[in-house]
C-alpha atoms as a PDB file:
ATOM      1  CA  MET A   1      -6.616  -2.600  -1.470  1.00  0.00           C
ATOM      2  CA  THR A   2      -4.519  -0.074  -2.983  1.00  0.00           C
ATOM      3  CA  GLU A   3      -6.024   2.479  -0.623  1.00  0.00           C
ATOM      4  CA  ILE A   4      -4.396  -0.191   2.102  1.00  0.00           C
ATOM      5  CA  ALA A   5      -1.397  -0.688   0.762  1.00  0.00           C
ATOM      6  CA  HIS A   6      -0.960   2.959   0.891  1.00  0.00           C
ATOM      7  CA  LEU A   7      -2.018   3.650   4.384  1.00  0.00           C
ATOM      8  CA  VAL A   8      -0.160  -0.221   4.890  1.00  0.00           C
ATOM      9  CA  VAL A   9       3.142   1.280   3.177  1.00  0.00           C
ATOM     10  CA  ALA A  10       3.036   4.367   4.408  1.00  0.00           C
ATOM     11  CA  ALA A  11       3.281   3.883   7.917  1.00  0.00           C
ATOM     12  CA  ARG A  12       5.607   1.470   7.954  1.00  0.00           C
ATOM     13  CA  GLN A  13       8.405   3.196   5.884  1.00  0.00           C
ATOM     14  CA  SER A  14       7.266   6.114   7.998  1.00  0.00           C
ATOM     15  CA  LEU A  15       7.850   4.496  11.542  1.00  0.00           C
ATOM     16  CA  GLY A  16      11.295   3.165  10.515  1.00  0.00           C
ATOM     17  CA  HIS A  17       9.875  -0.957  10.004  1.00  0.00           C
ATOM     18  CA  GLY A  18      12.223  -1.431   6.676  1.00  0.00           C
ATOM     19  CA  ASP A  19      12.243  -0.057   4.088  1.00  0.00           C
ATOM     20  CA  TRP A  20      10.299  -2.728   1.843  1.00  0.00           C
ATOM     21  CA  THR A  21       6.963  -3.950   3.172  1.00  0.00           C
ATOM     22  CA  PRO A  22       5.891  -7.432   2.165  1.00  0.00           C
ATOM     23  CA  ALA A  23       3.151  -7.801   0.275  1.00  0.00           C
ATOM     24  CA  GLU A  24       1.873 -10.374   2.737  1.00  0.00           C
ATOM     25  CA  THR A  25       1.294  -7.721   5.437  1.00  0.00           C
ATOM     26  CA  VAL A  26      -0.972  -5.817   3.257  1.00  0.00           C
ATOM     27  CA  ARG A  27      -2.133  -8.653   1.930  1.00  0.00           C
ATOM     28  CA  HIS A  28      -3.403  -9.543   5.632  1.00  0.00           C
ATOM     29  CA  ALA A  29      -4.918  -5.752   6.371  1.00  0.00           C
ATOM     30  CA  CYS A  30      -7.057  -5.771   3.088  1.00  0.00           C
ATOM     31  CA  GLU A  31      -7.987  -9.090   4.226  1.00  0.00           C
ATOM     32  CA  ASP A  32      -8.404  -7.338   7.821  1.00  0.00           C
ATOM     33  CA  MET A  33     -10.198  -4.705   6.362  1.00  0.00           C
ATOM     34  CA  GLY A  34     -12.380  -7.355   4.166  1.00  0.00           C
ATOM     35  CA  VAL A  35     -11.634  -5.630   1.226  1.00  0.00           C
ATOM     36  CA  LEU A  36      -9.471  -8.453   0.254  1.00  0.00           C
ATOM     37  CA  ASP A  37     -10.109 -10.578  -3.274  1.00  0.00           C
ATOM     38  CA  GLY A  38      -9.074 -11.849  -6.011  1.00  0.00           C
ATOM     39  CA  ASN A  39      -7.102  -9.547  -8.264  1.00  0.00           C
ATOM     40  CA  PHE A  40      -4.815  -8.851  -5.180  1.00  0.00           C
ATOM     41  CA  GLY A  41      -1.979  -9.343  -7.221  1.00  0.00           C
ATOM     42  CA  ARG A  42      -2.355  -7.252  -9.959  1.00  0.00           C
ATOM     43  CA  SER A  43      -3.636  -4.704  -7.778  1.00  0.00           C
ATOM     44  CA  VAL A  44      -0.155  -4.530  -5.962  1.00  0.00           C
ATOM     45  CA  GLN A  45       1.673  -4.887  -9.214  1.00  0.00           C
ATOM     46  CA  GLN A  46      -0.625  -1.756 -10.721  1.00  0.00           C
ATOM     47  CA  LEU A  47       1.462   0.314  -7.836  1.00  0.00           C
ATOM     48  CA  HIS A  48       4.063  -0.298  -9.827  1.00  0.00           C
ATOM     49  CA  GLY A  49       5.643   3.198 -10.933  1.00  0.00           C
ATOM     50  CA  GLU A  50       2.433   5.089  -9.175  1.00  0.00           C
ATOM     51  CA  GLY A  51       4.143   6.267  -6.197  1.00  0.00           C
ATOM     52  CA  PHE A  52       5.616   2.364  -5.245  1.00  0.00           C
ATOM     53  CA  ARG A  53       8.222   0.312  -6.368  1.00  0.00           C
ATOM     54  CA  VAL A  54       7.346  -3.519  -6.956  1.00  0.00           C
ATOM     55  CA  ARG A  55       9.978  -6.433  -6.919  1.00  0.00           C
ATOM     56  CA  GLY A  56       9.437 -10.179  -6.565  1.00  0.00           C
ATOM     57  CA  ASN A  57       6.737 -11.722  -7.457  1.00  0.00           C
ATOM     58  CA  GLY A  58       4.449 -13.978  -5.792  1.00  0.00           C
ATOM     59  CA  ALA A  59       4.642 -14.461  -2.204  1.00  0.00           C
ATOM     60  CA  GLN A  60       8.152 -12.731  -2.487  1.00  0.00           C
ATOM     61  CA  ARG A  61       6.972  -9.420  -3.534  1.00  0.00           C
ATOM     62  CA  GLU A  62       7.489  -6.448  -1.570  1.00  0.00           C
ATOM     63  CA  LEU A  63       6.433  -2.521  -2.370  1.00  0.00           C
ATOM     64  CA  ARG A  64       8.246   0.911  -1.450  1.00  0.00           C
ATOM     65  CA  MET A  65       6.910   4.162  -1.270  1.00  0.00           C
ATOM     66  CA  ASN A  66       8.544   7.148  -2.809  1.00  0.00           C
ATOM     67  CA  ALA A  67       7.551  10.909  -2.166  1.00  0.00           C
ATOM     68  CA  ALA A  68       5.254  10.656  -5.190  1.00  0.00           C
ATOM     69  CA  GLY A  69       3.374   7.134  -3.085  1.00  0.00           C
ATOM     70  CA  TYR A  70       3.583  10.082   0.027  1.00  0.00           C
ATOM     71  CA  GLU A  71       1.743  12.755  -1.306  1.00  0.00           C
ATOM     72  CA  ALA A  72      -0.755  10.393  -2.991  1.00  0.00           C
ATOM     73  CA  THR A  73      -1.105   8.540   0.496  1.00  0.00           C
ATOM     74  CA  ALA A  74      -1.410  12.326   1.573  1.00  0.00           C
ATOM     75  CA  ALA A  75      -4.006  13.388  -0.317  1.00  0.00           C
ATOM     76  CA  LEU A  76      -6.106   9.778   0.472  1.00  0.00           C
ATOM     77  CA  ILE A  77      -5.610  11.021   3.972  1.00  0.00           C
ATOM     78  CA  GLN A  78      -7.296  14.480   3.255  1.00  0.00           C
ATOM     79  CA  ARG A  79     -10.254  12.664   1.495  1.00  0.00           C
ATOM     80  CA  VAL A  80     -10.882  10.336   4.384  1.00  0.00           C
ATOM     81  CA  VAL A  81     -10.804  12.991   6.928  1.00  0.00           C
ATOM     82  CA  ALA A  82     -12.991  15.256   4.545  1.00  0.00           C
ATOM     83  CA  ASN A  83     -15.766  12.376   3.858  1.00  0.00           C
ATOM     84  CA  LYS A  84     -15.713  11.637   7.726  1.00  0.00           C
ATOM     85  CA  SER A  85     -16.591  15.791   8.792  1.00  0.00           C
END
């Protein structure tokens, strides 16, 4: 779920879809990818301070990526590409 959060938030911010991404948007992406489980809220909160700022509670929670988050997302993409080769 955290990997999906990295990809969704980075894409939205990079495309100019706002500075903050609703956690519900990430939740839907996780559900679509078949990785959503009961630990979603905890997974999102654990991102705070790890390249993300997280604000709000429950359904009002939002995420914003900083430079460290972009670096971690770039490393994630590189790992995915390397595993596909």
